[in-house]
Amino acid sequence: MALIIHEDCTACDVCVLECPNDAISEGDGILYVIDAENCTECVGAHDEPQCQLVCPAECIVSDPNYQESQEQLQAKYDRLHG
């Protein structure tokens, strides 16, 4: 499952630096967005999503539109970093 950033984002930039897949970027309307095609919830790099750990606004949550297993997330990570 990919993650999304909701409107409580304060644009602190901390999450951008923590993402091992460069999945977080500036968006329109919402200050930052997460590209679901590149988000692995840090599977392959860390034990838990780093962006969620560092977010002071706690505005990064699971995206219900992207349901993926651990195996699918690992395969995506391997594809991105292969």
PDB file of N, CA and C in Angstrom:
ATOM      1  N   MET A   1       0.851  -1.178   0.000  1.00  0.00           N
ATOM      2  CA  MET A   1       0.000   0.000   0.000  1.00  0.00           C
ATOM      3  C   MET A   1       0.893   1.236   0.000  1.00  0.00           C
ATOM      4  N   ALA A   2       0.606   2.174  -0.815  1.00  0.00           N
ATOM      5  CA  ALA A   2       1.335   3.433  -0.851  1.00  0.00           C
ATOM      6  C   ALA A   2       0.807   4.356   0.253  1.00  0.00           C
ATOM      7  N   LEU A   3       1.497   5.423   0.445  1.00  0.00           N
ATOM      8  CA  LEU A   3       1.112   6.413   1.449  1.00  0.00           C
ATOM      9  C   LEU A   3       0.658   7.690   0.749  1.00  0.00           C
ATOM     10  N   ILE A   4      -0.111   8.506   1.459  1.00  0.00           N
ATOM     11  CA  ILE A   4      -0.512   9.817   0.960  1.00  0.00           C
ATOM     12  C   ILE A   4      -0.272  10.859   2.048  1.00  0.00           C
ATOM     13  N   ILE A   5      -0.157  12.091   1.628  1.00  0.00           N
ATOM     14  CA  ILE A   5       0.025  13.212   2.550  1.00  0.00           C
ATOM     15  C   ILE A   5      -1.246  14.037   2.517  1.00  0.00           C
ATOM     16  N   HIS A   6      -1.883  14.227   3.675  1.00  0.00           N
ATOM     17  CA  HIS A   6      -3.124  15.001   3.665  1.00  0.00           C
ATOM     18  C   HIS A   6      -2.861  16.471   3.960  1.00  0.00           C
ATOM     19  N   GLU A   7      -3.912  17.260   3.926  1.00  0.00           N
ATOM     20  CA  GLU A   7      -3.831  18.724   3.917  1.00  0.00           C
ATOM     21  C   GLU A   7      -3.226  19.362   5.168  1.00  0.00           C
ATOM     22  N   ASP A   8      -2.961  18.604   6.217  1.00  0.00           N
ATOM     23  CA  ASP A   8      -2.329  19.169   7.406  1.00  0.00           C
ATOM     24  C   ASP A   8      -0.819  19.340   7.244  1.00  0.00           C
ATOM     25  N   CYS A   9      -0.295  19.022   6.076  1.00  0.00           N
ATOM     26  CA  CYS A   9       1.136  19.136   5.798  1.00  0.00           C
ATOM     27  C   CYS A   9       1.602  20.573   6.048  1.00  0.00           C
ATOM     28  N   THR A  10       2.719  20.719   6.731  1.00  0.00           N
ATOM     29  CA  THR A  10       3.272  22.041   7.039  1.00  0.00           C
ATOM     30  C   THR A  10       4.435  22.420   6.124  1.00  0.00           C
ATOM     31  N   ALA A  11       4.730  21.586   5.136  1.00  0.00           N
ATOM     32  CA  ALA A  11       5.823  21.824   4.183  1.00  0.00           C
ATOM     33  C   ALA A  11       7.174  21.969   4.866  1.00  0.00           C
ATOM     34  N   CYS A  12       7.417  21.133   5.853  1.00  0.00           N
ATOM     35  CA  CYS A  12       8.687  21.207   6.582  1.00  0.00           C
ATOM     36  C   CYS A  12       9.836  20.564   5.811  1.00  0.00           C
ATOM     37  N   ASP A  13       9.546  19.801   4.767  1.00  0.00           N
ATOM     38  CA  ASP A  13      10.532  19.150   3.892  1.00  0.00           C
ATOM     39  C   ASP A  13      11.221  17.931   4.506  1.00  0.00           C
ATOM     40  N   VAL A  14      10.947  17.586   5.737  1.00  0.00           N
ATOM     41  CA  VAL A  14      11.651  16.484   6.396  1.00  0.00           C
ATOM     42  C   VAL A  14      11.401  15.159   5.681  1.00  0.00           C
ATOM     43  N   CYS A  15      10.168  14.917   5.280  1.00  0.00           N
ATOM     44  CA  CYS A  15       9.835  13.643   4.644  1.00  0.00           C
ATOM     45  C   CYS A  15      10.563  13.465   3.319  1.00  0.00           C
ATOM     46  N   VAL A  16      10.739  14.538   2.587  1.00  0.00           N
ATOM     47  CA  VAL A  16      11.392  14.470   1.278  1.00  0.00           C
ATOM     48  C   VAL A  16      12.791  13.892   1.410  1.00  0.00           C
ATOM     49  N   LEU A  17      13.507  14.328   2.403  1.00  0.00           N
ATOM     50  CA  LEU A  17      14.889  13.884   2.607  1.00  0.00           C
ATOM     51  C   LEU A  17      14.976  12.434   3.058  1.00  0.00           C
ATOM     52  N   GLU A  18      13.934  11.937   3.697  1.00  0.00           N
ATOM     53  CA  GLU A  18      13.958  10.583   4.249  1.00  0.00           C
ATOM     54  C   GLU A  18      13.546   9.498   3.266  1.00  0.00           C
ATOM     55  N   CYS A  19      12.901   9.846   2.186  1.00  0.00           N
ATOM     56  CA  CYS A  19      12.362   8.844   1.259  1.00  0.00           C
ATOM     57  C   CYS A  19      13.476   8.192   0.437  1.00  0.00           C
ATOM     58  N   PRO A  20      13.663   6.870   0.570  1.00  0.00           N
ATOM     59  CA  PRO A  20      14.727   6.199  -0.186  1.00  0.00           C
ATOM     60  C   PRO A  20      14.401   6.025  -1.669  1.00  0.00           C
ATOM     61  N   ASN A  21      13.162   6.295  -2.055  1.00  0.00           N
ATOM     62  CA  ASN A  21      12.736   6.091  -3.439  1.00  0.00           C
ATOM     63  C   ASN A  21      12.452   7.395  -4.180  1.00  0.00           C
ATOM     64  N   ASP A  22      12.717   8.514  -3.559  1.00  0.00           N
ATOM     65  CA  ASP A  22      12.418   9.817  -4.166  1.00  0.00           C
ATOM     66  C   ASP A  22      10.968   9.891  -4.621  1.00  0.00           C
ATOM     67  N   ALA A  23      10.062   9.349  -3.802  1.00  0.00           N
ATOM     68  CA  ALA A  23       8.639   9.305  -4.155  1.00  0.00           C
ATOM     69  C   ALA A  23       7.880  10.554  -3.728  1.00  0.00           C
ATOM     70  N   ILE A  24       8.503  11.421  -2.945  1.00  0.00           N
ATOM     71  CA  ILE A  24       7.809  12.599  -2.415  1.00  0.00           C
ATOM     72  C   ILE A  24       8.278  13.850  -3.153  1.00  0.00           C
ATOM     73  N   SER A  25       7.306  14.639  -3.607  1.00  0.00           N
ATOM     74  CA  SER A  25       7.635  15.872  -4.326  1.00  0.00           C
ATOM     75  C   SER A  25       6.577  16.931  -4.042  1.00  0.00           C
ATOM     76  N   GLU A  26       6.877  18.160  -4.461  1.00  0.00           N
ATOM     77  CA  GLU A  26       5.907  19.236  -4.302  1.00  0.00           C
ATOM     78  C   GLU A  26       4.744  18.995  -5.238  1.00  0.00           C
ATOM     79  N   GLY A  27       3.536  19.308  -4.752  1.00  0.00           N
ATOM     80  CA  GLY A  27       2.348  19.127  -5.570  1.00  0.00           C
ATOM     81  C   GLY A  27       1.558  20.412  -5.682  1.00  0.00           C
ATOM     82  N   ASP A  28       0.465  20.352  -6.393  1.00  0.00           N
ATOM     83  CA  ASP A  28      -0.437  21.496  -6.521  1.00  0.00           C
ATOM     84  C   ASP A  28      -1.530  21.383  -5.470  1.00  0.00           C
ATOM     85  N   GLY A  29      -1.810  22.456  -4.798  1.00  0.00           N
ATOM     86  CA  GLY A  29      -2.855  22.445  -3.772  1.00  0.00           C
ATOM     87  C   GLY A  29      -2.345  21.869  -2.478  1.00  0.00           C
ATOM     88  N   ILE A  30      -2.105  20.561  -2.462  1.00  0.00           N
ATOM     89  CA  ILE A  30      -1.479  19.935  -1.299  1.00  0.00           C
ATOM     90  C   ILE A  30       0.004  20.236  -1.410  1.00  0.00           C
ATOM     91  N   LEU A  31       0.636  20.540  -0.300  1.00  0.00           N
ATOM     92  CA  LEU A  31       2.019  20.980  -0.359  1.00  0.00           C
ATOM     93  C   LEU A  31       2.979  19.921  -0.881  1.00  0.00           C
ATOM     94  N   TYR A  32       2.798  18.665  -0.471  1.00  0.00           N
ATOM     95  CA  TYR A  32       3.633  17.582  -0.980  1.00  0.00           C
ATOM     96  C   TYR A  32       2.756  16.413  -1.358  1.00  0.00           C
ATOM     97  N   VAL A  33       3.222  15.616  -2.307  1.00  0.00           N
ATOM     98  CA  VAL A  33       2.503  14.431  -2.744  1.00  0.00           C
ATOM     99  C   VAL A  33       3.471  13.251  -2.782  1.00  0.00           C
ATOM    100  N   ILE A  34       2.903  12.060  -2.694  1.00  0.00           N
ATOM    101  CA  ILE A  34       3.694  10.840  -2.775  1.00  0.00           C
ATOM    102  C   ILE A  34       3.268  10.095  -4.039  1.00  0.00           C
ATOM    103  N   ASP A  35       4.228   9.772  -4.877  1.00  0.00           N
ATOM    104  CA  ASP A  35       3.972   9.021  -6.103  1.00  0.00           C
ATOM    105  C   ASP A  35       3.802   7.550  -5.731  1.00  0.00           C
ATOM    106  N   ALA A  36       2.593   7.039  -5.879  1.00  0.00           N
ATOM    107  CA  ALA A  36       2.286   5.660  -5.494  1.00  0.00           C
ATOM    108  C   ALA A  36       3.113   4.650  -6.281  1.00  0.00           C
ATOM    109  N   GLU A  37       3.526   5.006  -7.480  1.00  0.00           N
ATOM    110  CA  GLU A  37       4.337   4.094  -8.290  1.00  0.00           C
ATOM    111  C   GLU A  37       5.747   3.937  -7.731  1.00  0.00           C
ATOM    112  N   ASN A  38       6.186   4.876  -6.910  1.00  0.00           N
ATOM    113  CA  ASN A  38       7.527   4.819  -6.334  1.00  0.00           C
ATOM    114  C   ASN A  38       7.530   4.564  -4.835  1.00  0.00           C
ATOM    115  N   CYS A  39       6.382   4.625  -4.194  1.00  0.00           N
ATOM    116  CA  CYS A  39       6.307   4.423  -2.745  1.00  0.00           C
ATOM    117  C   CYS A  39       6.252   2.935  -2.425  1.00  0.00           C
ATOM    118  N   THR A  40       7.195   2.483  -1.620  1.00  0.00           N
ATOM    119  CA  THR A  40       7.220   1.088  -1.159  1.00  0.00           C
ATOM    120  C   THR A  40       7.006   1.005   0.345  1.00  0.00           C
ATOM    121  N   GLU A  41       6.599   2.118   0.966  1.00  0.00           N
ATOM    122  CA  GLU A  41       6.494   2.216   2.423  1.00  0.00           C
ATOM    123  C   GLU A  41       7.814   1.814   3.074  1.00  0.00           C
ATOM    124  N   CYS A  42       8.886   2.066   2.361  1.00  0.00           N
ATOM    125  CA  CYS A  42      10.261   1.798   2.778  1.00  0.00           C
ATOM    126  C   CYS A  42      10.610   0.312   2.838  1.00  0.00           C
ATOM    127  N   VAL A  43       9.710  -0.562   2.351  1.00  0.00           N
ATOM    128  CA  VAL A  43      10.045  -1.978   2.250  1.00  0.00           C
ATOM    129  C   VAL A  43      11.253  -2.084   1.330  1.00  0.00           C
ATOM    130  N   GLY A  44      12.243  -2.826   1.747  1.00  0.00           N
ATOM    131  CA  GLY A  44      13.477  -2.975   0.990  1.00  0.00           C
ATOM    132  C   GLY A  44      14.586  -2.078   1.505  1.00  0.00           C
ATOM    133  N   ALA A  45      14.218  -1.023   2.210  1.00  0.00           N
ATOM    134  CA  ALA A  45      15.223  -0.089   2.725  1.00  0.00           C
ATOM    135  C   ALA A  45      15.193   0.022   4.246  1.00  0.00           C
ATOM    136  N   HIS A  46      13.994  -0.006   4.833  1.00  0.00           N
ATOM    137  CA  HIS A  46      13.832   0.168   6.276  1.00  0.00           C
ATOM    138  C   HIS A  46      12.687  -0.712   6.771  1.00  0.00           C
ATOM    139  N   ASP A  47      12.594  -0.849   8.083  1.00  0.00           N
ATOM    140  CA  ASP A  47      11.544  -1.674   8.680  1.00  0.00           C
ATOM    141  C   ASP A  47      10.186  -0.991   8.723  1.00  0.00           C
ATOM    142  N   GLU A  48      10.177   0.339   8.632  1.00  0.00           N
ATOM    143  CA  GLU A  48       8.915   1.081   8.649  1.00  0.00           C
ATOM    144  C   GLU A  48       9.071   2.355   7.843  1.00  0.00           C
ATOM    145  N   PRO A  49       7.958   2.935   7.402  1.00  0.00           N
ATOM    146  CA  PRO A  49       8.024   4.144   6.577  1.00  0.00           C
ATOM    147  C   PRO A  49       8.709   5.302   7.309  1.00  0.00           C
ATOM    148  N   GLN A  50       9.809   5.727   6.769  1.00  0.00           N
ATOM    149  CA  GLN A  50      10.593   6.789   7.393  1.00  0.00           C
ATOM    150  C   GLN A  50       9.883   8.133   7.377  1.00  0.00           C
ATOM    151  N   CYS A  51       9.118   8.402   6.325  1.00  0.00           N
ATOM    152  CA  CYS A  51       8.408   9.676   6.243  1.00  0.00           C
ATOM    153  C   CYS A  51       7.407   9.808   7.395  1.00  0.00           C
ATOM    154  N   GLN A  52       6.717   8.716   7.727  1.00  0.00           N
ATOM    155  CA  GLN A  52       5.774   8.756   8.844  1.00  0.00           C
ATOM    156  C   GLN A  52       6.491   8.985  10.164  1.00  0.00           C
ATOM    157  N   LEU A  53       7.665   8.403  10.318  1.00  0.00           N
ATOM    158  CA  LEU A  53       8.413   8.553  11.568  1.00  0.00           C
ATOM    159  C   LEU A  53       8.852   9.988  11.828  1.00  0.00           C
ATOM    160  N   VAL A  54       9.215  10.698  10.765  1.00  0.00           N
ATOM    161  CA  VAL A  54       9.765  12.039  10.944  1.00  0.00           C
ATOM    162  C   VAL A  54       8.744  13.156  10.801  1.00  0.00           C
ATOM    163  N   CYS A  55       7.554  12.862  10.337  1.00  0.00           N
ATOM    164  CA  CYS A  55       6.552  13.897  10.081  1.00  0.00           C
ATOM    165  C   CYS A  55       6.036  14.512  11.386  1.00  0.00           C
ATOM    166  N   PRO A  56       6.322  15.789  11.625  1.00  0.00           N
ATOM    167  CA  PRO A  56       5.852  16.421  12.864  1.00  0.00           C
ATOM    168  C   PRO A  56       4.345  16.682  12.872  1.00  0.00           C
ATOM    169  N   ALA A  57       3.724  16.734  11.704  1.00  0.00           N
ATOM    170  CA  ALA A  57       2.284  16.994  11.624  1.00  0.00           C
ATOM    171  C   ALA A  57       1.465  15.702  11.602  1.00  0.00           C
ATOM    172  N   GLU A  58       2.152  14.556  11.534  1.00  0.00           N
ATOM    173  CA  GLU A  58       1.496  13.247  11.475  1.00  0.00           C
ATOM    174  C   GLU A  58       0.430  13.213  10.377  1.00  0.00           C
ATOM    175  N   CYS A  59       0.794  13.728   9.204  1.00  0.00           N
ATOM    176  CA  CYS A  59      -0.173  13.836   8.115  1.00  0.00           C
ATOM    177  C   CYS A  59       0.066  12.840   6.987  1.00  0.00           C
ATOM    178  N   ILE A  60       0.906  11.837   7.215  1.00  0.00           N
ATOM    179  CA  ILE A  60       1.170  10.829   6.191  1.00  0.00           C
ATOM    180  C   ILE A  60       0.480   9.537   6.607  1.00  0.00           C
ATOM    181  N   VAL A  61      -0.447   9.095   5.771  1.00  0.00           N
ATOM    182  CA  VAL A  61      -1.275   7.937   6.102  1.00  0.00           C
ATOM    183  C   VAL A  61      -1.326   6.969   4.909  1.00  0.00           C
ATOM    184  N   SER A  62      -1.844   5.779   5.151  1.00  0.00           N
ATOM    185  CA  SER A  62      -1.990   4.787   4.085  1.00  0.00           C
ATOM    186  C   SER A  62      -3.003   5.259   3.057  1.00  0.00           C
ATOM    187  N   ASP A  63      -2.699   4.994   1.799  1.00  0.00           N
ATOM    188  CA  ASP A  63      -3.593   5.341   0.704  1.00  0.00           C
ATOM    189  C   ASP A  63      -4.486   4.137   0.410  1.00  0.00           C
ATOM    190  N   PRO A  64      -5.779   4.236   0.687  1.00  0.00           N
ATOM    191  CA  PRO A  64      -6.664   3.084   0.491  1.00  0.00           C
ATOM    192  C   PRO A  64      -6.823   2.672  -0.971  1.00  0.00           C
ATOM    193  N   ASN A  65      -6.385   3.510  -1.892  1.00  0.00           N
ATOM    194  CA  ASN A  65      -6.488   3.189  -3.318  1.00  0.00           C
ATOM    195  C   ASN A  65      -5.367   2.272  -3.808  1.00  0.00           C
ATOM    196  N   TYR A  66      -4.341   2.057  -2.982  1.00  0.00           N
ATOM    197  CA  TYR A  66      -3.202   1.223  -3.362  1.00  0.00           C
ATOM    198  C   TYR A  66      -2.959   0.161  -2.305  1.00  0.00           C
ATOM    199  N   GLN A  67      -3.522  -1.012  -2.528  1.00  0.00           N
ATOM    200  CA  GLN A  67      -3.349  -2.150  -1.643  1.00  0.00           C
ATOM    201  C   GLN A  67      -2.284  -3.054  -2.236  1.00  0.00           C
ATOM    202  N   GLU A  68      -1.144  -3.184  -1.546  1.00  0.00           N
ATOM    203  CA  GLU A  68      -0.057  -4.027  -2.036  1.00  0.00           C
ATOM    204  C   GLU A  68       0.478  -4.873  -0.894  1.00  0.00           C
ATOM    205  N   SER A  69       0.875  -6.088  -1.208  1.00  0.00           N
ATOM    206  CA  SER A  69       1.459  -6.983  -0.216  1.00  0.00           C
ATOM    207  C   SER A  69       2.925  -6.613   0.018  1.00  0.00           C
ATOM    208  N   GLN A  70       3.509  -7.177   1.048  1.00  0.00           N
ATOM    209  CA  GLN A  70       4.931  -6.964   1.316  1.00  0.00           C
ATOM    210  C   GLN A  70       5.769  -7.433   0.122  1.00  0.00           C
ATOM    211  N   GLU A  71       5.359  -8.537  -0.485  1.00  0.00           N
ATOM    212  CA  GLU A  71       6.085  -9.068  -1.635  1.00  0.00           C
ATOM    213  C   GLU A  71       6.010  -8.105  -2.824  1.00  0.00           C
ATOM    214  N   GLN A  72       4.841  -7.528  -3.050  1.00  0.00           N
ATOM    215  CA  GLN A  72       4.691  -6.569  -4.145  1.00  0.00           C
ATOM    216  C   GLN A  72       5.515  -5.310  -3.879  1.00  0.00           C
ATOM    217  N   LEU A  73       5.528  -4.854  -2.637  1.00  0.00           N
ATOM    218  CA  LEU A  73       6.314  -3.672  -2.285  1.00  0.00           C
ATOM    219  C   LEU A  73       7.805  -3.955  -2.461  1.00  0.00           C
ATOM    220  N   GLN A  74       8.251  -5.158  -2.071  1.00  0.00           N
ATOM    221  CA  GLN A  74       9.662  -5.524  -2.238  1.00  0.00           C
ATOM    222  C   GLN A  74      10.015  -5.590  -3.723  1.00  0.00           C
ATOM    223  N   ALA A  75       9.143  -6.164  -4.529  1.00  0.00           N
ATOM    224  CA  ALA A  75       9.379  -6.239  -5.968  1.00  0.00           C
ATOM    225  C   ALA A  75       9.471  -4.840  -6.577  1.00  0.00           C
ATOM    226  N   LYS A  76       8.620  -3.938  -6.121  1.00  0.00           N
ATOM    227  CA  LYS A  76       8.677  -2.554  -6.610  1.00  0.00           C
ATOM    228  C   LYS A  76       9.997  -1.909  -6.214  1.00  0.00           C
ATOM    229  N   TYR A  77      10.423  -2.116  -4.965  1.00  0.00           N
ATOM    230  CA  TYR A  77      11.704  -1.572  -4.507  1.00  0.00           C
ATOM    231  C   TYR A  77      12.854  -2.123  -5.359  1.00  0.00           C
ATOM    232  N   ASP A  78      12.842  -3.430  -5.601  1.00  0.00           N
ATOM    233  CA  ASP A  78      13.889  -4.054  -6.404  1.00  0.00           C
ATOM    234  C   ASP A  78      13.910  -3.481  -7.819  1.00  0.00           C
ATOM    235  N   ARG A  79      12.739  -3.233  -8.393  1.00  0.00           N
ATOM    236  CA  ARG A  79      12.641  -2.644  -9.732  1.00  0.00           C
ATOM    237  C   ARG A  79      13.222  -1.232  -9.732  1.00  0.00           C
ATOM    238  N   LEU A  80      12.906  -0.453  -8.690  1.00  0.00           N
ATOM    239  CA  LEU A  80      13.381   0.927  -8.616  1.00  0.00           C
ATOM    240  C   LEU A  80      14.882   1.025  -8.385  1.00  0.00           C
ATOM    241  N   HIS A  81      15.442   0.032  -7.693  1.00  0.00           N
ATOM    242  CA  HIS A  81      16.856   0.116  -7.312  1.00  0.00           C
ATOM    243  C   HIS A  81      17.712  -0.953  -7.983  1.00  0.00           C
ATOM    244  N   GLY A  82      17.100  -1.718  -8.895  1.00  0.00           N
ATOM    245  CA  GLY A  82      17.774  -2.839  -9.554  1.00  0.00           C
ATOM    246  C   GLY A  82      18.994  -2.458 -10.268  1.00  0.00           C
TER     247      GLY A  82
END
